[in-house]
Amino acid sequence: MKKNHGLRAGIGIGILLSAAIAIATQAGLLDGIFKKSPADAAKSAGVSETEDQVKIPLTALASGKVLFLETEFDGRKLYYFALRGSDGAYRAALDACDVCFGKNRGYRQEGDLVVCNNCGQTFPSDRIGEIKGGCNPHPLARRVDGGFLVIEKGDIRAGKDYFPGKRV
């Protein structure tokens, strides 16, 4: 009987541990541990990049989660992001703002908000790419073409001065 009791306890602990991991994952508590690099996230989302354009499948943005991306220009990494706002519009911005860009810390997503990693200012998803200045994410021109959100690389490169060095 003791062996059977130990087996039951082990199964119970396994079930509780599995449930705790599932809840933590759903709540986003493990994102920092298992976070993909922007390059890995782009690849798994089906993002394609040419010399002139970035094409992001609209299906990659359907969840409302921000897709953080990066490209390189003249040896400097340039960061940007795209998302589907709460209003259903597809949006894009540099992962930098006019105020905090010197710290090179970018933004993160918390629910429907995009949050500055430097000063903590929050921005609703339906305003990203519409408002310029202050600590707002610097807007990127974009267009929907078929099943893709298209961003011209020249528009991303124009923001190169927002990325003064290595990302913190």
N, C-alpha and C. Protein backbone atom coordinates (compact mmCIF):
# COMPACT_ATOMS: atom_id res chain seq x y z
N MET A 1 0.81 -1.19 0.00
CA MET A 1 0.00 0.00 0.00
C MET A 1 0.86 1.27 0.00
N LYS A 2 1.99 1.26 0.69
CA LYS A 2 2.82 2.45 0.74
C LYS A 2 3.33 2.84 -0.64
N LYS A 3 3.69 1.86 -1.45
CA LYS A 3 4.18 2.15 -2.79
C LYS A 3 3.08 2.83 -3.60
N ASN A 4 1.88 2.35 -3.49
CA ASN A 4 0.76 2.91 -4.22
C ASN A 4 0.48 4.34 -3.77
N HIS A 5 0.58 4.59 -2.46
CA HIS A 5 0.36 5.93 -1.93
C HIS A 5 1.41 6.90 -2.49
N GLY A 6 2.67 6.47 -2.54
CA GLY A 6 3.74 7.31 -3.08
C GLY A 6 3.52 7.62 -4.54
N LEU A 7 3.03 6.64 -5.30
CA LEU A 7 2.75 6.85 -6.72
C LEU A 7 1.64 7.88 -6.89
N ARG A 8 0.60 7.75 -6.08
CA ARG A 8 -0.52 8.71 -6.15
C ARG A 8 -0.05 10.12 -5.80
N ALA A 9 0.78 10.24 -4.79
CA ALA A 9 1.30 11.56 -4.39
C ALA A 9 2.14 12.16 -5.51
N GLY A 10 2.96 11.31 -6.13
CA GLY A 10 3.78 11.78 -7.25
C GLY A 10 2.94 12.25 -8.42
N ILE A 11 1.89 11.53 -8.73
CA ILE A 11 0.99 11.92 -9.82
C ILE A 11 0.29 13.23 -9.47
N GLY A 12 -0.15 13.33 -8.22
CA GLY A 12 -0.82 14.57 -7.77
C GLY A 12 0.09 15.77 -7.87
N ILE A 13 1.34 15.61 -7.45
CA ILE A 13 2.31 16.70 -7.54
C ILE A 13 2.56 17.05 -9.00
N GLY A 14 2.67 16.04 -9.85
CA GLY A 14 2.88 16.29 -11.29
C GLY A 14 1.73 17.06 -11.91
N ILE A 15 0.51 16.71 -11.52
CA ILE A 15 -0.67 17.41 -12.05
C ILE A 15 -0.67 18.85 -11.58
N LEU A 16 -0.38 19.07 -10.29
CA LEU A 16 -0.34 20.43 -9.76
C LEU A 16 0.76 21.26 -10.43
N LEU A 17 1.93 20.67 -10.62
CA LEU A 17 3.03 21.37 -11.28
C LEU A 17 2.67 21.72 -12.71
N SER A 18 2.07 20.78 -13.43
CA SER A 18 1.64 21.04 -14.81
C SER A 18 0.62 22.16 -14.86
N ALA A 19 -0.33 22.15 -13.93
CA ALA A 19 -1.35 23.21 -13.89
C ALA A 19 -0.71 24.57 -13.59
N ALA A 20 0.24 24.60 -12.65
CA ALA A 20 0.91 25.85 -12.31
C ALA A 20 1.69 26.40 -13.50
N ILE A 21 2.37 25.54 -14.23
CA ILE A 21 3.12 25.97 -15.41
C ILE A 21 2.16 26.49 -16.48
N ALA A 22 1.05 25.80 -16.68
CA ALA A 22 0.06 26.24 -17.67
C ALA A 22 -0.50 27.61 -17.31
N ILE A 23 -0.82 27.83 -16.04
CA ILE A 23 -1.36 29.12 -15.60
C ILE A 23 -0.30 30.21 -15.76
N ALA A 24 0.93 29.94 -15.37
CA ALA A 24 2.01 30.93 -15.50
C ALA A 24 2.27 31.27 -16.96
N THR A 25 2.22 30.28 -17.83
CA THR A 25 2.42 30.52 -19.26
C THR A 25 1.29 31.37 -19.82
N GLN A 26 0.06 31.03 -19.47
CA GLN A 26 -1.11 31.78 -19.96
C GLN A 26 -1.04 33.24 -19.50
N ALA A 27 -0.58 33.45 -18.28
CA ALA A 27 -0.49 34.80 -17.73
C ALA A 27 0.72 35.57 -18.25
N GLY A 28 1.59 34.90 -19.00
CA GLY A 28 2.77 35.56 -19.55
C GLY A 28 3.93 35.68 -18.58
N LEU A 29 3.84 34.97 -17.45
CA LEU A 29 4.88 35.08 -16.44
C LEU A 29 6.20 34.44 -16.85
N LEU A 30 6.17 33.54 -17.82
CA LEU A 30 7.40 32.87 -18.25
C LEU A 30 7.98 33.47 -19.52
N ASP A 31 7.36 34.56 -20.02
CA ASP A 31 7.82 35.15 -21.28
C ASP A 31 9.29 35.54 -21.23
N GLY A 32 9.75 36.08 -20.12
CA GLY A 32 11.14 36.49 -20.02
C GLY A 32 12.11 35.33 -20.08
N ILE A 33 11.69 34.16 -19.63
CA ILE A 33 12.57 32.99 -19.61
C ILE A 33 12.65 32.36 -20.99
N PHE A 34 11.51 32.24 -21.66
CA PHE A 34 11.45 31.55 -22.94
C PHE A 34 11.28 32.51 -24.12
N LYS A 35 11.64 33.76 -23.95
CA LYS A 35 11.43 34.77 -24.97
C LYS A 35 12.30 34.51 -26.19
N LYS A 36 11.66 34.58 -27.37
CA LYS A 36 12.40 34.42 -28.63
C LYS A 36 13.08 35.73 -28.98
N SER A 37 14.19 35.62 -29.68
CA SER A 37 14.85 36.82 -30.19
C SER A 37 13.95 37.39 -31.29
N PRO A 38 14.10 38.68 -31.62
CA PRO A 38 13.30 39.23 -32.72
C PRO A 38 13.48 38.46 -34.03
N ALA A 39 14.69 37.99 -34.29
CA ALA A 39 14.94 37.23 -35.53
C ALA A 39 14.17 35.90 -35.50
N ASP A 40 14.19 35.21 -34.36
CA ASP A 40 13.45 33.95 -34.24
C ASP A 40 11.95 34.17 -34.34
N ALA A 41 11.47 35.24 -33.69
CA ALA A 41 10.04 35.54 -33.74
C ALA A 41 9.60 35.85 -35.16
N ALA A 42 10.41 36.61 -35.90
CA ALA A 42 10.09 36.96 -37.29
C ALA A 42 10.05 35.71 -38.16
N LYS A 43 11.04 34.85 -37.99
CA LYS A 43 11.12 33.64 -38.80
C LYS A 43 9.91 32.75 -38.54
N SER A 44 9.57 32.54 -37.27
CA SER A 44 8.44 31.66 -36.96
C SER A 44 7.11 32.28 -37.37
N ALA A 45 7.05 33.61 -37.49
CA ALA A 45 5.82 34.28 -37.90
C ALA A 45 5.67 34.34 -39.42
N GLY A 46 6.72 33.97 -40.16
CA GLY A 46 6.65 33.99 -41.62
C GLY A 46 6.98 35.34 -42.24
N VAL A 47 7.66 36.20 -41.49
CA VAL A 47 8.05 37.52 -42.00
C VAL A 47 9.11 37.34 -43.08
N SER A 48 8.92 38.05 -44.20
CA SER A 48 9.94 38.01 -45.25
C SER A 48 10.50 39.41 -45.44
N GLU A 49 11.79 39.46 -45.71
CA GLU A 49 12.49 40.72 -45.83
C GLU A 49 13.30 40.72 -47.12
N THR A 50 13.12 41.76 -47.91
CA THR A 50 13.93 41.96 -49.10
C THR A 50 14.79 43.20 -48.88
N GLU A 51 15.52 43.59 -49.88
CA GLU A 51 16.33 44.81 -49.79
C GLU A 51 15.45 46.04 -49.54
N ASP A 52 14.22 46.02 -50.08
CA ASP A 52 13.36 47.20 -50.04
C ASP A 52 12.18 47.14 -49.07
N GLN A 53 11.74 45.92 -48.71
CA GLN A 53 10.50 45.80 -47.94
C GLN A 53 10.58 44.72 -46.87
N VAL A 54 9.69 44.88 -45.90
CA VAL A 54 9.41 43.84 -44.92
C VAL A 54 7.94 43.50 -45.12
N LYS A 55 7.64 42.20 -45.26
CA LYS A 55 6.26 41.74 -45.42
C LYS A 55 5.92 40.84 -44.24
N ILE A 56 4.92 41.28 -43.48
CA ILE A 56 4.49 40.56 -42.28
C ILE A 56 3.12 39.95 -42.56
N PRO A 57 2.98 38.63 -42.46
CA PRO A 57 1.66 38.04 -42.67
C PRO A 57 0.66 38.59 -41.66
N LEU A 58 -0.52 38.99 -42.13
CA LEU A 58 -1.54 39.52 -41.23
C LEU A 58 -1.92 38.48 -40.17
N THR A 59 -1.82 37.20 -40.54
CA THR A 59 -2.14 36.15 -39.58
C THR A 59 -1.20 36.17 -38.38
N ALA A 60 0.03 36.68 -38.56
CA ALA A 60 1.00 36.76 -37.47
C ALA A 60 0.62 37.85 -36.47
N LEU A 61 -0.28 38.74 -36.87
CA LEU A 61 -0.69 39.86 -36.01
C LEU A 61 -2.11 39.70 -35.49
N ALA A 62 -2.80 38.66 -35.92
CA ALA A 62 -4.22 38.48 -35.60
C ALA A 62 -4.50 38.41 -34.11
N SER A 63 -3.56 37.91 -33.32
CA SER A 63 -3.77 37.73 -31.88
C SER A 63 -3.76 39.04 -31.10
N GLY A 64 -3.26 40.11 -31.72
CA GLY A 64 -3.13 41.37 -31.01
C GLY A 64 -1.81 41.49 -30.27
N LYS A 65 -1.00 40.45 -30.31
CA LYS A 65 0.32 40.51 -29.66
C LYS A 65 1.28 41.27 -30.55
N VAL A 66 2.10 42.09 -29.93
CA VAL A 66 3.11 42.86 -30.65
C VAL A 66 4.17 41.90 -31.19
N LEU A 67 4.54 42.10 -32.45
CA LEU A 67 5.62 41.35 -33.06
C LEU A 67 6.83 42.29 -33.14
N PHE A 68 7.82 42.04 -32.28
CA PHE A 68 9.03 42.86 -32.25
C PHE A 68 10.00 42.33 -33.29
N LEU A 69 10.57 43.24 -34.08
CA LEU A 69 11.43 42.88 -35.21
C LEU A 69 12.70 43.72 -35.18
N GLU A 70 13.66 43.31 -35.98
CA GLU A 70 14.89 44.09 -36.12
C GLU A 70 15.44 43.89 -37.52
N THR A 71 16.19 44.87 -37.96
CA THR A 71 16.93 44.77 -39.21
C THR A 71 18.26 45.45 -38.98
N GLU A 72 19.17 45.28 -39.90
CA GLU A 72 20.49 45.89 -39.76
C GLU A 72 20.73 46.84 -40.91
N PHE A 73 21.35 47.97 -40.61
CA PHE A 73 21.69 48.96 -41.62
C PHE A 73 22.99 49.63 -41.22
N ASP A 74 23.97 49.60 -42.11
CA ASP A 74 25.29 50.19 -41.86
C ASP A 74 25.88 49.71 -40.54
N GLY A 75 25.73 48.42 -40.25
CA GLY A 75 26.30 47.83 -39.04
C GLY A 75 25.55 48.15 -37.76
N ARG A 76 24.42 48.78 -37.88
CA ARG A 76 23.63 49.17 -36.71
C ARG A 76 22.31 48.42 -36.73
N LYS A 77 21.90 47.87 -35.58
CA LYS A 77 20.60 47.21 -35.50
C LYS A 77 19.51 48.25 -35.28
N LEU A 78 18.47 48.11 -36.09
CA LEU A 78 17.31 48.99 -35.99
C LEU A 78 16.13 48.15 -35.55
N TYR A 79 15.41 48.61 -34.55
CA TYR A 79 14.31 47.84 -33.96
C TYR A 79 12.98 48.49 -34.28
N TYR A 80 11.98 47.66 -34.52
CA TYR A 80 10.64 48.15 -34.81
C TYR A 80 9.64 47.08 -34.42
N PHE A 81 8.37 47.42 -34.47
CA PHE A 81 7.36 46.44 -34.13
C PHE A 81 6.09 46.68 -34.93
N ALA A 82 5.27 45.65 -34.99
CA ALA A 82 3.98 45.72 -35.67
C ALA A 82 2.95 45.03 -34.80
N LEU A 83 1.70 45.41 -34.95
CA LEU A 83 0.62 44.80 -34.20
C LEU A 83 -0.71 45.11 -34.85
N ARG A 84 -1.70 44.38 -34.45
CA ARG A 84 -3.09 44.68 -34.82
C ARG A 84 -3.69 45.33 -33.58
N GLY A 85 -4.09 46.58 -33.72
CA GLY A 85 -4.63 47.32 -32.59
C GLY A 85 -5.99 46.80 -32.17
N SER A 86 -6.45 47.25 -31.03
CA SER A 86 -7.75 46.82 -30.51
C SER A 86 -8.89 47.26 -31.42
N ASP A 87 -8.63 48.23 -32.30
CA ASP A 87 -9.63 48.70 -33.25
C ASP A 87 -9.60 47.91 -34.56
N GLY A 88 -8.70 46.91 -34.66
CA GLY A 88 -8.60 46.08 -35.86
C GLY A 88 -7.63 46.60 -36.91
N ALA A 89 -7.10 47.81 -36.73
CA ALA A 89 -6.16 48.38 -37.69
C ALA A 89 -4.76 47.82 -37.45
N TYR A 90 -4.01 47.63 -38.54
CA TYR A 90 -2.64 47.15 -38.47
C TYR A 90 -1.72 48.35 -38.32
N ARG A 91 -0.78 48.24 -37.40
CA ARG A 91 0.04 49.38 -37.03
C ARG A 91 1.51 48.98 -36.96
N ALA A 92 2.39 49.98 -37.09
CA ALA A 92 3.83 49.73 -37.00
C ALA A 92 4.52 50.98 -36.47
N ALA A 93 5.60 50.77 -35.75
CA ALA A 93 6.36 51.88 -35.18
C ALA A 93 7.78 51.43 -34.93
N LEU A 94 8.67 52.42 -34.85
CA LEU A 94 10.03 52.12 -34.40
C LEU A 94 9.94 51.73 -32.93
N ASP A 95 10.83 50.89 -32.48
CA ASP A 95 10.87 50.49 -31.08
C ASP A 95 11.71 51.52 -30.33
N ALA A 96 11.31 52.79 -30.50
CA ALA A 96 12.01 53.93 -29.91
C ALA A 96 11.08 55.14 -29.95
N CYS A 97 11.42 56.13 -29.14
CA CYS A 97 10.61 57.36 -29.13
C CYS A 97 11.51 58.58 -29.16
N ASP A 98 10.90 59.75 -29.30
CA ASP A 98 11.65 61.00 -29.38
C ASP A 98 12.32 61.39 -28.06
N VAL A 99 11.81 60.88 -26.95
CA VAL A 99 12.32 61.27 -25.64
C VAL A 99 13.36 60.29 -25.10
N CYS A 100 13.00 59.02 -25.01
CA CYS A 100 13.85 58.03 -24.33
C CYS A 100 14.78 57.24 -25.27
N PHE A 101 14.82 57.59 -26.55
CA PHE A 101 15.59 56.78 -27.51
C PHE A 101 17.06 56.63 -27.11
N GLY A 102 17.62 57.62 -26.45
CA GLY A 102 19.03 57.58 -26.06
C GLY A 102 19.36 56.43 -25.12
N LYS A 103 18.38 55.98 -24.37
CA LYS A 103 18.58 54.84 -23.45
C LYS A 103 18.51 53.52 -24.21
N ASN A 104 17.92 53.53 -25.42
CA ASN A 104 17.84 52.37 -26.31
C ASN A 104 17.23 51.14 -25.62
N ARG A 105 16.09 51.36 -24.94
CA ARG A 105 15.44 50.27 -24.21
C ARG A 105 14.14 49.81 -24.85
N GLY A 106 13.57 50.60 -25.75
CA GLY A 106 12.36 50.18 -26.47
C GLY A 106 11.13 50.05 -25.60
N TYR A 107 10.21 49.21 -26.07
CA TYR A 107 8.91 49.03 -25.44
C TYR A 107 8.65 47.56 -25.16
N ARG A 108 7.58 47.31 -24.41
CA ARG A 108 7.07 45.97 -24.15
C ARG A 108 5.54 46.06 -24.22
N GLN A 109 4.90 44.92 -24.28
CA GLN A 109 3.44 44.90 -24.31
C GLN A 109 2.92 44.38 -22.98
N GLU A 110 1.90 45.05 -22.48
CA GLU A 110 1.16 44.60 -21.30
C GLU A 110 -0.32 44.69 -21.65
N GLY A 111 -0.91 43.56 -22.00
CA GLY A 111 -2.31 43.55 -22.41
C GLY A 111 -2.48 44.36 -23.68
N ASP A 112 -3.37 45.34 -23.65
CA ASP A 112 -3.62 46.19 -24.81
C ASP A 112 -2.73 47.42 -24.84
N LEU A 113 -1.78 47.49 -23.94
CA LEU A 113 -0.91 48.66 -23.85
C LEU A 113 0.50 48.34 -24.31
N VAL A 114 1.14 49.33 -24.93
CA VAL A 114 2.56 49.29 -25.23
C VAL A 114 3.20 50.21 -24.20
N VAL A 115 4.24 49.71 -23.51
CA VAL A 115 4.82 50.40 -22.37
C VAL A 115 6.29 50.71 -22.65
N CYS A 116 6.70 51.95 -22.41
CA CYS A 116 8.10 52.34 -22.56
C CYS A 116 8.92 51.65 -21.47
N ASN A 117 9.97 50.94 -21.87
CA ASN A 117 10.83 50.24 -20.91
C ASN A 117 11.72 51.19 -20.12
N ASN A 118 11.79 52.45 -20.51
CA ASN A 118 12.62 53.40 -19.79
C ASN A 118 11.81 54.21 -18.77
N CYS A 119 10.72 54.83 -19.21
CA CYS A 119 9.98 55.73 -18.32
C CYS A 119 8.64 55.19 -17.84
N GLY A 120 8.18 54.09 -18.45
CA GLY A 120 6.93 53.49 -18.00
C GLY A 120 5.66 54.07 -18.60
N GLN A 121 5.78 55.07 -19.48
CA GLN A 121 4.58 55.62 -20.14
C GLN A 121 3.86 54.52 -20.89
N THR A 122 2.53 54.57 -20.91
CA THR A 122 1.74 53.54 -21.59
C THR A 122 0.96 54.15 -22.75
N PHE A 123 0.75 53.33 -23.77
CA PHE A 123 0.07 53.76 -24.98
C PHE A 123 -0.88 52.67 -25.43
N PRO A 124 -2.17 53.00 -25.61
CA PRO A 124 -3.14 52.01 -26.09
C PRO A 124 -2.79 51.56 -27.51
N SER A 125 -3.05 50.30 -27.80
CA SER A 125 -2.69 49.73 -29.11
C SER A 125 -3.33 50.48 -30.27
N ASP A 126 -4.51 51.03 -30.07
CA ASP A 126 -5.20 51.70 -31.17
C ASP A 126 -4.67 53.11 -31.45
N ARG A 127 -3.62 53.52 -30.75
CA ARG A 127 -3.01 54.83 -31.02
C ARG A 127 -1.59 54.70 -31.55
N ILE A 128 -1.06 53.47 -31.58
CA ILE A 128 0.30 53.24 -32.08
C ILE A 128 0.35 53.59 -33.56
N GLY A 129 1.39 54.29 -33.95
CA GLY A 129 1.56 54.64 -35.35
C GLY A 129 0.74 55.84 -35.80
N GLU A 130 -0.03 56.42 -34.89
CA GLU A 130 -0.88 57.56 -35.23
C GLU A 130 -0.37 58.86 -34.62
N ILE A 131 0.25 58.76 -33.47
CA ILE A 131 0.69 59.95 -32.75
C ILE A 131 2.21 59.96 -32.69
N LYS A 132 2.80 61.10 -33.01
CA LYS A 132 4.25 61.24 -33.04
C LYS A 132 4.66 62.25 -31.98
N GLY A 133 5.82 62.05 -31.40
CA GLY A 133 6.36 63.00 -30.44
C GLY A 133 6.23 62.50 -29.02
N GLY A 134 6.94 63.16 -28.13
CA GLY A 134 6.94 62.75 -26.74
C GLY A 134 7.50 61.34 -26.63
N CYS A 135 6.88 60.55 -25.78
CA CYS A 135 7.35 59.18 -25.59
C CYS A 135 6.55 58.17 -26.41
N ASN A 136 5.72 58.67 -27.34
CA ASN A 136 5.00 57.76 -28.22
C ASN A 136 5.97 56.99 -29.10
N PRO A 137 5.69 55.72 -29.37
CA PRO A 137 6.53 54.98 -30.33
C PRO A 137 6.52 55.73 -31.67
N HIS A 138 7.69 55.95 -32.24
CA HIS A 138 7.81 56.71 -33.48
C HIS A 138 7.13 55.95 -34.63
N PRO A 139 6.08 56.54 -35.24
CA PRO A 139 5.29 55.82 -36.26
C PRO A 139 6.10 55.43 -37.50
N LEU A 140 5.71 54.30 -38.08
CA LEU A 140 6.24 53.86 -39.37
C LEU A 140 5.09 53.81 -40.38
N ALA A 141 5.36 54.31 -41.58
CA ALA A 141 4.38 54.17 -42.65
C ALA A 141 4.23 52.68 -42.96
N ARG A 142 3.01 52.26 -43.27
CA ARG A 142 2.75 50.86 -43.59
C ARG A 142 1.50 50.79 -44.43
N ARG A 143 1.35 49.64 -45.08
CA ARG A 143 0.14 49.44 -45.88
C ARG A 143 -0.19 47.95 -45.88
N VAL A 144 -1.45 47.66 -46.06
CA VAL A 144 -1.88 46.27 -46.19
C VAL A 144 -1.93 45.97 -47.68
N ASP A 145 -1.27 44.89 -48.07
CA ASP A 145 -1.24 44.45 -49.47
C ASP A 145 -1.53 42.95 -49.47
N GLY A 146 -2.75 42.60 -49.89
CA GLY A 146 -3.15 41.20 -49.84
C GLY A 146 -3.20 40.74 -48.40
N GLY A 147 -2.51 39.68 -48.10
CA GLY A 147 -2.49 39.14 -46.74
C GLY A 147 -1.29 39.58 -45.93
N PHE A 148 -0.68 40.72 -46.30
CA PHE A 148 0.54 41.17 -45.63
C PHE A 148 0.47 42.63 -45.21
N LEU A 149 1.14 42.93 -44.10
CA LEU A 149 1.42 44.30 -43.72
C LEU A 149 2.80 44.59 -44.30
N VAL A 150 2.91 45.62 -45.11
CA VAL A 150 4.16 45.93 -45.80
C VAL A 150 4.75 47.23 -45.24
N ILE A 151 6.02 47.16 -44.89
CA ILE A 151 6.76 48.32 -44.41
C ILE A 151 7.96 48.49 -45.32
N GLU A 152 8.16 49.69 -45.83
CA GLU A 152 9.32 49.97 -46.68
C GLU A 152 10.57 50.08 -45.81
N LYS A 153 11.64 49.42 -46.23
CA LYS A 153 12.88 49.44 -45.45
C LYS A 153 13.46 50.85 -45.36
N GLY A 154 13.23 51.66 -46.39
CA GLY A 154 13.71 53.05 -46.34
C GLY A 154 13.10 53.82 -45.18
N ASP A 155 11.85 53.53 -44.84
CA ASP A 155 11.21 54.19 -43.70
C ASP A 155 11.84 53.75 -42.38
N ILE A 156 12.20 52.47 -42.29
CA ILE A 156 12.87 51.98 -41.09
C ILE A 156 14.26 52.62 -41.00
N ARG A 157 14.99 52.62 -42.12
CA ARG A 157 16.36 53.18 -42.15
C ARG A 157 16.36 54.67 -41.81
N ALA A 158 15.29 55.37 -42.18
CA ALA A 158 15.21 56.81 -41.88
C ALA A 158 15.24 57.05 -40.37
N GLY A 159 14.89 56.04 -39.57
CA GLY A 159 14.91 56.18 -38.12
C GLY A 159 16.20 55.70 -37.47
N LYS A 160 17.25 55.53 -38.24
CA LYS A 160 18.50 54.97 -37.71
C LYS A 160 19.06 55.75 -36.53
N ASP A 161 18.85 57.06 -36.51
CA ASP A 161 19.42 57.86 -35.42
C ASP A 161 18.71 57.63 -34.08
N TYR A 162 17.60 56.91 -34.11
CA TYR A 162 16.91 56.56 -32.86
C TYR A 162 17.59 55.39 -32.14
N PHE A 163 18.60 54.82 -32.77
CA PHE A 163 19.28 53.65 -32.19
C PHE A 163 20.77 53.93 -32.09
N PRO A 164 21.17 54.62 -31.00
CA PRO A 164 22.54 55.12 -30.87
C PRO A 164 23.60 54.06 -30.61
N GLY A 165 23.23 52.88 -30.24
CA GLY A 165 24.23 51.86 -29.94
C GLY A 165 23.57 50.54 -29.61
N LYS A 166 24.29 49.76 -28.84
CA LYS A 166 23.81 48.43 -28.50
C LYS A 166 22.56 48.51 -27.61
N ARG A 167 21.61 47.64 -27.89
CA ARG A 167 20.36 47.59 -27.12
C ARG A 167 20.64 47.09 -25.72
N VAL A 168 20.06 47.78 -24.75
CA VAL A 168 20.23 47.43 -23.34
C VAL A 168 19.28 46.31 -22.97
